[in-house]
């Protein structure tokens, strides 16, 4: 059951802290995330420079952000699959492949 207490600065600060922990873990443990992070640093300014108008710039940069978000979700799926099924299983492999395809 969801909490009915209002979100205050303390809850928002805790949620932000947990999100930063997740980003640090992805950076530390996921080579694909690091590669996509490096590409983001290169391609984001390029997208801002090449985009004609605010909408094009938002689409170009937004697509890069979506790739990073999809990689985080894929990494989460892979981590939980590896935790629950250390040996090879067809369904586990399929779940990991689908997560990779989403990226």
PDB file of N, CA and C in Angstrom:
ATOM      1  N   UNK A   1       0.841  -1.174   0.000  1.00  0.00           N
ATOM      2  CA  UNK A   1       0.000   0.000   0.000  1.00  0.00           C
ATOM      3  C   UNK A   1       0.890   1.243   0.000  1.00  0.00           C
ATOM      4  N   UNK A   2       0.638   2.175  -0.908  1.00  0.00           N
ATOM      5  CA  UNK A   2       1.468   3.380  -0.975  1.00  0.00           C
ATOM      6  C   UNK A   2       1.304   4.244   0.268  1.00  0.00           C
ATOM      7  N   UNK A   3       2.368   4.953   0.564  1.00  0.00           N
ATOM      8  CA  UNK A   3       2.352   5.857   1.706  1.00  0.00           C
ATOM      9  C   UNK A   3       1.449   7.045   1.407  1.00  0.00           C
ATOM     10  N   UNK A   4       0.688   7.454   2.413  1.00  0.00           N
ATOM     11  CA  UNK A   4      -0.213   8.595   2.231  1.00  0.00           C
ATOM     12  C   UNK A   4       0.382   9.886   2.754  1.00  0.00           C
ATOM     13  N   UNK A   5       1.555   9.787   3.397  1.00  0.00           N
ATOM     14  CA  UNK A   5       2.168  11.017   3.897  1.00  0.00           C
ATOM     15  C   UNK A   5       2.755  11.815   2.732  1.00  0.00           C
ATOM     16  N   UNK A   6       2.662  13.138   2.826  1.00  0.00           N
ATOM     17  CA  UNK A   6       3.135  13.961   1.707  1.00  0.00           C
ATOM     18  C   UNK A   6       4.648  13.877   1.533  1.00  0.00           C
ATOM     19  N   UNK A   7       5.064  14.064   0.302  1.00  0.00           N
ATOM     20  CA  UNK A   7       6.501  14.078  -0.011  1.00  0.00           C
ATOM     21  C   UNK A   7       7.069  15.424   0.398  1.00  0.00           C
ATOM     22  N   UNK A   8       7.964  15.384   1.335  1.00  0.00           N
ATOM     23  CA  UNK A   8       8.623  16.601   1.777  1.00  0.00           C
ATOM     24  C   UNK A   8      10.061  16.614   1.312  1.00  0.00           C
ATOM     25  N   UNK A   9      10.775  17.643   1.675  1.00  0.00           N
ATOM     26  CA  UNK A   9      12.177  17.760   1.261  1.00  0.00           C
ATOM     27  C   UNK A   9      13.035  16.575   1.715  1.00  0.00           C
ATOM     28  N   UNK A  10      12.759  16.039   2.889  1.00  0.00           N
ATOM     29  CA  UNK A  10      13.557  14.916   3.405  1.00  0.00           C
ATOM     30  C   UNK A  10      13.368  13.667   2.532  1.00  0.00           C
ATOM     31  N   UNK A  11      12.117  13.359   2.166  1.00  0.00           N
ATOM     32  CA  UNK A  11      11.859  12.192   1.326  1.00  0.00           C
ATOM     33  C   UNK A  11      12.435  12.375  -0.073  1.00  0.00           C
ATOM     34  N   UNK A  12      12.346  13.578  -0.588  1.00  0.00           N
ATOM     35  CA  UNK A  12      12.898  13.860  -1.918  1.00  0.00           C
ATOM     36  C   UNK A  12      14.420  13.751  -1.887  1.00  0.00           C
ATOM     37  N   UNK A  13      15.042  14.235  -0.818  1.00  0.00           N
ATOM     38  CA  UNK A  13      16.502  14.146  -0.689  1.00  0.00           C
ATOM     39  C   UNK A  13      16.945  12.686  -0.600  1.00  0.00           C
ATOM     40  N   UNK A  14      16.186  11.851   0.147  1.00  0.00           N
ATOM     41  CA  UNK A  14      16.529  10.424   0.241  1.00  0.00           C
ATOM     42  C   UNK A  14      16.390   9.738  -1.109  1.00  0.00           C
ATOM     43  N   UNK A  15      15.319  10.041  -1.829  1.00  0.00           N
ATOM     44  CA  UNK A  15      15.113   9.445  -3.145  1.00  0.00           C
ATOM     45  C   UNK A  15      16.239   9.853  -4.098  1.00  0.00           C
ATOM     46  N   UNK A  16      16.658  11.106  -4.028  1.00  0.00           N
ATOM     47  CA  UNK A  16      17.761  11.576  -4.859  1.00  0.00           C
ATOM     48  C   UNK A  16      19.051  10.844  -4.508  1.00  0.00           C
ATOM     49  N   UNK A  17      19.294  10.648  -3.216  1.00  0.00           N
ATOM     50  CA  UNK A  17      20.490   9.936  -2.753  1.00  0.00           C
ATOM     51  C   UNK A  17      20.508   8.513  -3.304  1.00  0.00           C
ATOM     52  N   UNK A  18      19.370   7.815  -3.252  1.00  0.00           N
ATOM     53  CA  UNK A  18      19.295   6.442  -3.766  1.00  0.00           C
ATOM     54  C   UNK A  18      19.497   6.410  -5.277  1.00  0.00           C
ATOM     55  N   UNK A  19      18.978   7.403  -5.959  1.00  0.00           N
ATOM     56  CA  UNK A  19      19.180   7.473  -7.407  1.00  0.00           C
ATOM     57  C   UNK A  19      20.655   7.672  -7.745  1.00  0.00           C
ATOM     58  N   UNK A  20      21.321   8.523  -6.996  1.00  0.00           N
ATOM     59  CA  UNK A  20      22.749   8.741  -7.226  1.00  0.00           C
ATOM     60  C   UNK A  20      23.555   7.472  -6.920  1.00  0.00           C
ATOM     61  N   UNK A  21      23.146   6.726  -5.892  1.00  0.00           N
ATOM     62  CA  UNK A  21      23.806   5.453  -5.602  1.00  0.00           C
ATOM     63  C   UNK A  21      23.656   4.488  -6.771  1.00  0.00           C
ATOM     64  N   UNK A  22      22.470   4.479  -7.381  1.00  0.00           N
ATOM     65  CA  UNK A  22      22.236   3.624  -8.540  1.00  0.00           C
ATOM     66  C   UNK A  22      23.084   4.029  -9.726  1.00  0.00           C
ATOM     67  N   UNK A  23      23.206   5.329  -9.965  1.00  0.00           N
ATOM     68  CA  UNK A  23      24.050   5.797 -11.066  1.00  0.00           C
ATOM     69  C   UNK A  23      25.520   5.455 -10.818  1.00  0.00           C
ATOM     70  N   UNK A  24      25.977   5.632  -9.585  1.00  0.00           N
ATOM     71  CA  UNK A  24      27.365   5.270  -9.258  1.00  0.00           C
ATOM     72  C   UNK A  24      27.614   3.779  -9.440  1.00  0.00           C
ATOM     73  N   UNK A  25      26.657   2.958  -9.023  1.00  0.00           N
ATOM     74  CA  UNK A  25      26.801   1.507  -9.182  1.00  0.00           C
ATOM     75  C   UNK A  25      26.842   1.131 -10.653  1.00  0.00           C
ATOM     76  N   UNK A  26      25.996   1.745 -11.463  1.00  0.00           N
ATOM     77  CA  UNK A  26      25.993   1.456 -12.897  1.00  0.00           C
ATOM     78  C   UNK A  26      27.328   1.874 -13.507  1.00  0.00           C
ATOM     79  N   UNK A  27      27.832   3.025 -13.138  1.00  0.00           N
ATOM     80  CA  UNK A  27      29.111   3.503 -13.679  1.00  0.00           C
ATOM     81  C   UNK A  27      30.251   2.574 -13.266  1.00  0.00           C
ATOM     82  N   UNK A  28      30.226   2.128 -12.017  1.00  0.00           N
ATOM     83  CA  UNK A  28      31.305   1.301 -11.490  1.00  0.00           C
ATOM     84  C   UNK A  28      31.287  -0.121 -12.058  1.00  0.00           C
ATOM     85  N   UNK A  29      30.096  -0.685 -12.272  1.00  0.00           N
ATOM     86  CA  UNK A  29      29.995  -2.109 -12.591  1.00  0.00           C
ATOM     87  C   UNK A  29      29.572  -2.424 -14.015  1.00  0.00           C
ATOM     88  N   UNK A  30      29.113  -1.457 -14.779  1.00  0.00           N
ATOM     89  CA  UNK A  30      28.568  -1.732 -16.113  1.00  0.00           C
ATOM     90  C   UNK A  30      29.384  -1.025 -17.193  1.00  0.00           C
ATOM     91  N   UNK A  31      30.159  -1.805 -17.933  1.00  0.00           N
ATOM     92  CA  UNK A  31      30.987  -1.240 -19.004  1.00  0.00           C
ATOM     93  C   UNK A  31      30.128  -0.588 -20.081  1.00  0.00           C
ATOM     94  N   UNK A  32      28.984  -1.179 -20.388  1.00  0.00           N
ATOM     95  CA  UNK A  32      28.105  -0.606 -21.420  1.00  0.00           C
ATOM     96  C   UNK A  32      27.605   0.769 -20.998  1.00  0.00           C
ATOM     97  N   UNK A  33      27.270   0.913 -19.724  1.00  0.00           N
ATOM     98  CA  UNK A  33      26.793   2.211 -19.238  1.00  0.00           C
ATOM     99  C   UNK A  33      27.904   3.252 -19.328  1.00  0.00           C
ATOM    100  N   UNK A  34      29.124   2.855 -18.974  1.00  0.00           N
ATOM    101  CA  UNK A  34      30.248   3.799 -19.079  1.00  0.00           C
ATOM    102  C   UNK A  34      30.454   4.227 -20.529  1.00  0.00           C
ATOM    103  N   UNK A  35      30.428   3.278 -21.457  1.00  0.00           N
ATOM    104  CA  UNK A  35      30.591   3.611 -22.871  1.00  0.00           C
ATOM    105  C   UNK A  35      29.505   4.573 -23.332  1.00  0.00           C
ATOM    106  N   UNK A  36      28.264   4.286 -22.973  1.00  0.00           N
ATOM    107  CA  UNK A  36      27.166   5.168 -23.368  1.00  0.00           C
ATOM    108  C   UNK A  36      27.265   6.524 -22.679  1.00  0.00           C
ATOM    109  N   UNK A  37      27.815   6.560 -21.475  1.00  0.00           N
ATOM    110  CA  UNK A  37      28.050   7.837 -20.798  1.00  0.00           C
ATOM    111  C   UNK A  37      29.084   8.675 -21.525  1.00  0.00           C
ATOM    112  N   UNK A  38      30.175   8.030 -21.963  1.00  0.00           N
ATOM    113  CA  UNK A  38      31.195   8.745 -22.737  1.00  0.00           C
ATOM    114  C   UNK A  38      30.604   9.265 -24.050  1.00  0.00           C
ATOM    115  N   UNK A  39      29.817   8.415 -24.710  1.00  0.00           N
ATOM    116  CA  UNK A  39      29.188   8.854 -25.965  1.00  0.00           C
ATOM    117  C   UNK A  39      28.223  10.007 -25.722  1.00  0.00           C
ATOM    118  N   UNK A  40      27.522   9.984 -24.585  1.00  0.00           N
ATOM    119  CA  UNK A  40      26.625  11.084 -24.249  1.00  0.00           C
ATOM    120  C   UNK A  40      27.394  12.394 -24.136  1.00  0.00           C
ATOM    121  N   UNK A  41      28.546  12.346 -23.469  1.00  0.00           N
ATOM    122  CA  UNK A  41      29.355  13.560 -23.280  1.00  0.00           C
ATOM    123  C   UNK A  41      29.799  14.118 -24.639  1.00  0.00           C
ATOM    124  N   UNK A  42      30.060  13.253 -25.591  1.00  0.00           N
ATOM    125  CA  UNK A  42      30.477  13.701 -26.920  1.00  0.00           C
ATOM    126  C   UNK A  42      29.281  14.131 -27.766  1.00  0.00           C
ATOM    127  N   UNK A  43      28.213  13.319 -27.761  1.00  0.00           N
ATOM    128  CA  UNK A  43      27.104  13.542 -28.682  1.00  0.00           C
ATOM    129  C   UNK A  43      26.101  14.591 -28.207  1.00  0.00           C
ATOM    130  N   UNK A  44      26.002  14.825 -26.915  1.00  0.00           N
ATOM    131  CA  UNK A  44      25.053  15.831 -26.421  1.00  0.00           C
ATOM    132  C   UNK A  44      25.393  17.230 -26.947  1.00  0.00           C
ATOM    133  N   UNK A  45      26.633  17.691 -26.792  1.00  0.00           N
ATOM    134  CA  UNK A  45      26.945  19.003 -27.373  1.00  0.00           C
ATOM    135  C   UNK A  45      26.772  19.026 -28.893  1.00  0.00           C
ATOM    136  N   UNK A  46      27.093  17.910 -29.533  1.00  0.00           N
ATOM    137  CA  UNK A  46      26.913  17.834 -30.986  1.00  0.00           C
ATOM    138  C   UNK A  46      25.438  17.960 -31.356  1.00  0.00           C
ATOM    139  N   UNK A  47      24.567  17.289 -30.596  1.00  0.00           N
ATOM    140  CA  UNK A  47      23.130  17.396 -30.843  1.00  0.00           C
ATOM    141  C   UNK A  47      22.612  18.804 -30.610  1.00  0.00           C
ATOM    142  N   UNK A  48      23.141  19.463 -29.587  1.00  0.00           N
ATOM    143  CA  UNK A  48      22.731  20.848 -29.327  1.00  0.00           C
ATOM    144  C   UNK A  48      23.212  21.785 -30.430  1.00  0.00           C
ATOM    145  N   UNK A  49      24.367  21.473 -30.992  1.00  0.00           N
ATOM    146  CA  UNK A  49      24.913  22.309 -32.059  1.00  0.00           C
ATOM    147  C   UNK A  49      24.198  22.064 -33.384  1.00  0.00           C
ATOM    148  N   UNK A  50      23.909  20.793 -33.687  1.00  0.00           N
ATOM    149  CA  UNK A  50      23.302  20.459 -34.974  1.00  0.00           C
ATOM    150  C   UNK A  50      21.798  20.690 -35.023  1.00  0.00           C
ATOM    151  N   UNK A  51      21.144  20.654 -33.872  1.00  0.00           N
ATOM    152  CA  UNK A  51      19.693  20.820 -33.844  1.00  0.00           C
ATOM    153  C   UNK A  51      19.274  22.208 -34.291  1.00  0.00           C
ATOM    154  N   UNK A  52      18.246  22.239 -35.134  1.00  0.00           N
ATOM    155  CA  UNK A  52      17.681  23.517 -35.595  1.00  0.00           C
ATOM    156  C   UNK A  52      16.434  23.793 -34.765  1.00  0.00           C
ATOM    157  N   UNK A  53      16.562  24.638 -33.791  1.00  0.00           N
ATOM    158  CA  UNK A  53      15.433  24.969 -32.934  1.00  0.00           C
ATOM    159  C   UNK A  53      15.380  24.091 -31.699  1.00  0.00           C
ATOM    160  N   UNK A  54      14.556  24.519 -30.776  1.00  0.00           N
ATOM    161  CA  UNK A  54      14.473  23.852 -29.474  1.00  0.00           C
ATOM    162  C   UNK A  54      13.929  22.439 -29.571  1.00  0.00           C
ATOM    163  N   UNK A  55      12.967  22.218 -30.452  1.00  0.00           N
ATOM    164  CA  UNK A  55      12.352  20.894 -30.561  1.00  0.00           C
ATOM    165  C   UNK A  55      13.364  19.874 -31.066  1.00  0.00           C
ATOM    166  N   UNK A  56      14.095  20.206 -32.109  1.00  0.00           N
ATOM    167  CA  UNK A  56      15.099  19.277 -32.635  1.00  0.00           C
ATOM    168  C   UNK A  56      16.189  19.005 -31.597  1.00  0.00           C
ATOM    169  N   UNK A  57      16.626  20.029 -30.915  1.00  0.00           N
ATOM    170  CA  UNK A  57      17.649  19.847 -29.887  1.00  0.00           C
ATOM    171  C   UNK A  57      17.136  18.937 -28.778  1.00  0.00           C
ATOM    172  N   UNK A  58      15.893  19.153 -28.358  1.00  0.00           N
ATOM    173  CA  UNK A  58      15.304  18.323 -27.305  1.00  0.00           C
ATOM    174  C   UNK A  58      15.188  16.867 -27.756  1.00  0.00           C
ATOM    175  N   UNK A  59      14.826  16.643 -29.004  1.00  0.00           N
ATOM    176  CA  UNK A  59      14.703  15.271 -29.516  1.00  0.00           C
ATOM    177  C   UNK A  59      16.071  14.603 -29.580  1.00  0.00           C
ATOM    178  N   UNK A  60      17.074  15.322 -30.062  1.00  0.00           N
ATOM    179  CA  UNK A  60      18.414  14.745 -30.168  1.00  0.00           C
ATOM    180  C   UNK A  60      18.999  14.409 -28.798  1.00  0.00           C
ATOM    181  N   UNK A  61      18.894  15.329 -27.862  1.00  0.00           N
ATOM    182  CA  UNK A  61      19.430  15.082 -26.528  1.00  0.00           C
ATOM    183  C   UNK A  61      18.546  14.086 -25.773  1.00  0.00           C
ATOM    184  N   UNK A  62      17.244  14.192 -25.954  1.00  0.00           N
ATOM    185  CA  UNK A  62      16.317  13.273 -25.294  1.00  0.00           C
ATOM    186  C   UNK A  62      16.543  11.829 -25.699  1.00  0.00           C
ATOM    187  N   UNK A  63      16.879  11.600 -26.961  1.00  0.00           N
ATOM    188  CA  UNK A  63      17.138  10.226 -27.401  1.00  0.00           C
ATOM    189  C   UNK A  63      18.375   9.662 -26.707  1.00  0.00           C
ATOM    190  N   UNK A  64      19.353  10.503 -26.449  1.00  0.00           N
ATOM    191  CA  UNK A  64      20.544  10.050 -25.717  1.00  0.00           C
ATOM    192  C   UNK A  64      20.199   9.706 -24.264  1.00  0.00           C
ATOM    193  N   UNK A  65      19.347  10.509 -23.659  1.00  0.00           N
ATOM    194  CA  UNK A  65      18.920  10.249 -22.287  1.00  0.00           C
ATOM    195  C   UNK A  65      18.120   8.947 -22.220  1.00  0.00           C
ATOM    196  N   UNK A  66      17.292   8.701 -23.242  1.00  0.00           N
ATOM    197  CA  UNK A  66      16.521   7.455 -23.278  1.00  0.00           C
ATOM    198  C   UNK A  66      17.426   6.237 -23.365  1.00  0.00           C
ATOM    199  N   UNK A  67      18.515   6.332 -24.127  1.00  0.00           N
ATOM    200  CA  UNK A  67      19.453   5.211 -24.218  1.00  0.00           C
ATOM    201  C   UNK A  67      20.062   4.928 -22.845  1.00  0.00           C
ATOM    202  N   UNK A  68      20.471   5.976 -22.128  1.00  0.00           N
ATOM    203  CA  UNK A  68      21.025   5.780 -20.789  1.00  0.00           C
ATOM    204  C   UNK A  68      19.993   5.177 -19.840  1.00  0.00           C
ATOM    205  N   UNK A  69      18.751   5.626 -19.935  1.00  0.00           N
ATOM    206  CA  UNK A  69      17.689   5.085 -19.083  1.00  0.00           C
ATOM    207  C   UNK A  69      17.429   3.616 -19.403  1.00  0.00           C
ATOM    208  N   UNK A  70      17.381   3.293 -20.691  1.00  0.00           N
ATOM    209  CA  UNK A  70      17.165   1.897 -21.085  1.00  0.00           C
ATOM    210  C   UNK A  70      18.317   1.022 -20.614  1.00  0.00           C
ATOM    211  N   UNK A  71      19.539   1.531 -20.663  1.00  0.00           N
ATOM    212  CA  UNK A  71      20.695   0.761 -20.189  1.00  0.00           C
ATOM    213  C   UNK A  71      20.609   0.517 -18.692  1.00  0.00           C
ATOM    214  N   UNK A  72      20.155   1.502 -17.931  1.00  0.00           N
ATOM    215  CA  UNK A  72      19.979   1.304 -16.492  1.00  0.00           C
ATOM    216  C   UNK A  72      18.941   0.216 -16.216  1.00  0.00           C
ATOM    217  N   UNK A  73      17.828   0.253 -16.947  1.00  0.00           N
ATOM    218  CA  UNK A  73      16.800  -0.782 -16.770  1.00  0.00           C
ATOM    219  C   UNK A  73      17.328  -2.149 -17.181  1.00  0.00           C
ATOM    220  N   UNK A  74      18.067  -2.212 -18.281  1.00  0.00           N
ATOM    221  CA  UNK A  74      18.653  -3.474 -18.727  1.00  0.00           C
ATOM    222  C   UNK A  74      19.619  -4.016 -17.682  1.00  0.00           C
ATOM    223  N   UNK A  75      20.438  -3.148 -17.116  1.00  0.00           N
ATOM    224  CA  UNK A  75      21.387  -3.581 -16.091  1.00  0.00           C
ATOM    225  C   UNK A  75      20.654  -4.101 -14.858  1.00  0.00           C
ATOM    226  N   UNK A  76      19.544  -3.457 -14.505  1.00  0.00           N
ATOM    227  CA  UNK A  76      18.754  -3.922 -13.361  1.00  0.00           C
ATOM    228  C   UNK A  76      18.168  -5.305 -13.638  1.00  0.00           C
ATOM    229  N   UNK A  77      17.647  -5.510 -14.849  1.00  0.00           N
ATOM    230  CA  UNK A  77      17.106  -6.818 -15.220  1.00  0.00           C
ATOM    231  C   UNK A  77      18.206  -7.875 -15.162  1.00  0.00           C
ATOM    232  N   UNK A  78      19.364  -7.561 -15.732  1.00  0.00           N
ATOM    233  CA  UNK A  78      20.461  -8.526 -15.730  1.00  0.00           C
ATOM    234  C   UNK A  78      20.915  -8.857 -14.311  1.00  0.00           C
ATOM    235  N   UNK A  79      20.985  -7.861 -13.444  1.00  0.00           N
ATOM    236  CA  UNK A  79      21.425  -8.098 -12.068  1.00  0.00           C
ATOM    237  C   UNK A  79      20.455  -9.014 -11.336  1.00  0.00           C
ATOM    238  N   UNK A  80      19.162  -8.770 -11.483  1.00  0.00           N
ATOM    239  CA  UNK A  80      18.193  -9.597 -10.763  1.00  0.00           C
ATOM    240  C   UNK A  80      18.126 -10.998 -11.352  1.00  0.00           C
ATOM    241  N   UNK A  81      18.294 -11.131 -12.665  1.00  0.00           N
ATOM    242  CA  UNK A  81      18.316 -12.458 -13.284  1.00  0.00           C
ATOM    243  C   UNK A  81      19.540 -13.229 -12.805  1.00  0.00           C
ATOM    244  N   UNK A  82      20.701 -12.581 -12.769  1.00  0.00           N
ATOM    245  CA  UNK A  82      21.914 -13.245 -12.294  1.00  0.00           C
ATOM    246  C   UNK A  82      21.795 -13.638 -10.821  1.00  0.00           C
ATOM    247  N   UNK A  83      21.109 -12.822 -10.031  1.00  0.00           N
ATOM    248  CA  UNK A  83      20.928 -13.116  -8.605  1.00  0.00           C
ATOM    249  C   UNK A  83      20.020 -14.324  -8.409  1.00  0.00           C
ATOM    250  N   UNK A  84      18.941 -14.402  -9.188  1.00  0.00           N
ATOM    251  CA  UNK A  84      17.966 -15.472  -8.983  1.00  0.00           C
ATOM    252  C   UNK A  84      18.343 -16.762  -9.700  1.00  0.00           C
ATOM    253  N   UNK A  85      19.086 -16.672 -10.807  1.00  0.00           N
ATOM    254  CA  UNK A  85      19.419 -17.854 -11.594  1.00  0.00           C
ATOM    255  C   UNK A  85      20.892 -17.826 -11.967  1.00  0.00           C
ATOM    256  N   UNK A  86      21.778 -18.255 -11.074  1.00  0.00           N
ATOM    257  CA  UNK A  86      23.209 -18.200 -11.396  1.00  0.00           C
ATOM    258  C   UNK A  86      23.607 -19.145 -12.538  1.00  0.00           C
ATOM    259  N   UNK A  87      22.909 -20.271 -12.681  1.00  0.00           N
ATOM    260  CA  UNK A  87      23.212 -21.168 -13.799  1.00  0.00           C
ATOM    261  C   UNK A  87      22.389 -20.749 -15.013  1.00  0.00           C
ATOM    262  N   UNK A  88      22.784 -21.246 -16.182  1.00  0.00           N
ATOM    263  CA  UNK A  88      22.084 -20.860 -17.408  1.00  0.00           C
ATOM    264  C   UNK A  88      20.679 -21.438 -17.414  1.00  0.00           C
ATOM    265  N   UNK A  89      19.733 -20.622 -17.790  1.00  0.00           N
ATOM    266  CA  UNK A  89      18.354 -21.040 -17.995  1.00  0.00           C
ATOM    267  C   UNK A  89      17.850 -20.313 -19.228  1.00  0.00           C
ATOM    268  N   UNK A  90      17.094 -21.010 -20.059  1.00  0.00           N
ATOM    269  CA  UNK A  90      16.615 -20.418 -21.317  1.00  0.00           C
ATOM    270  C   UNK A  90      15.821 -19.135 -21.076  1.00  0.00           C
ATOM    271  N   UNK A  91      14.938 -19.141 -20.097  1.00  0.00           N
ATOM    272  CA  UNK A  91      14.133 -17.941 -19.831  1.00  0.00           C
ATOM    273  C   UNK A  91      14.989 -16.787 -19.305  1.00  0.00           C
ATOM    274  N   UNK A  92      15.988 -17.107 -18.483  1.00  0.00           N
ATOM    275  CA  UNK A  92      16.885 -16.063 -17.986  1.00  0.00           C
ATOM    276  C   UNK A  92      17.655 -15.442 -19.143  1.00  0.00           C
ATOM    277  N   UNK A  93      18.159 -16.286 -20.042  1.00  0.00           N
ATOM    278  CA  UNK A  93      18.868 -15.777 -21.217  1.00  0.00           C
ATOM    279  C   UNK A  93      17.967 -14.930 -22.098  1.00  0.00           C
ATOM    280  N   UNK A  94      16.719 -15.367 -22.252  1.00  0.00           N
ATOM    281  CA  UNK A  94      15.766 -14.615 -23.067  1.00  0.00           C
ATOM    282  C   UNK A  94      15.479 -13.247 -22.445  1.00  0.00           C
ATOM    283  N   UNK A  95      15.313 -13.201 -21.119  1.00  0.00           N
ATOM    284  CA  UNK A  95      15.054 -11.924 -20.439  1.00  0.00           C
ATOM    285  C   UNK A  95      16.223 -10.963 -20.631  1.00  0.00           C
ATOM    286  N   UNK A  96      17.451 -11.487 -20.491  1.00  0.00           N
ATOM    287  CA  UNK A  96      18.621 -10.634 -20.666  1.00  0.00           C
ATOM    288  C   UNK A  96      18.757 -10.166 -22.107  1.00  0.00           C
ATOM    289  N   UNK A  97      18.469 -11.037 -23.064  1.00  0.00           N
ATOM    290  CA  UNK A  97      18.530 -10.648 -24.470  1.00  0.00           C
ATOM    291  C   UNK A  97      17.488  -9.576 -24.806  1.00  0.00           C
ATOM    292  N   UNK A  98      16.298  -9.712 -24.241  1.00  0.00           N
ATOM    293  CA  UNK A  98      15.251  -8.727 -24.501  1.00  0.00           C
ATOM    294  C   UNK A  98      15.626  -7.368 -23.899  1.00  0.00           C
ATOM    295  N   UNK A  99      16.218  -7.385 -22.708  1.00  0.00           N
ATOM    296  CA  UNK A  99      16.668  -6.135 -22.102  1.00  0.00           C
ATOM    297  C   UNK A  99      17.732  -5.470 -22.957  1.00  0.00           C
ATOM    298  N   UNK A 100      18.646  -6.271 -23.487  1.00  0.00           N
ATOM    299  CA  UNK A 100      19.685  -5.742 -24.360  1.00  0.00           C
ATOM    300  C   UNK A 100      19.081  -5.169 -25.630  1.00  0.00           C
ATOM    301  N   UNK A 101      18.093  -5.852 -26.175  1.00  0.00           N
ATOM    302  CA  UNK A 101      17.429  -5.352 -27.389  1.00  0.00           C
ATOM    303  C   UNK A 101      16.707  -4.031 -27.138  1.00  0.00           C
ATOM    304  N   UNK A 102      16.213  -3.852 -25.934  1.00  0.00           N
ATOM    305  CA  UNK A 102      15.513  -2.598 -25.611  1.00  0.00           C
ATOM    306  C   UNK A 102      16.464  -1.407 -25.668  1.00  0.00           C
ATOM    307  N   UNK A 103      17.717  -1.641 -25.319  1.00  0.00           N
ATOM    308  CA  UNK A 103      18.702  -0.560 -25.363  1.00  0.00           C
ATOM    309  C   UNK A 103      18.964  -0.208 -26.808  1.00  0.00           C
TER     310      UNK A 103
END
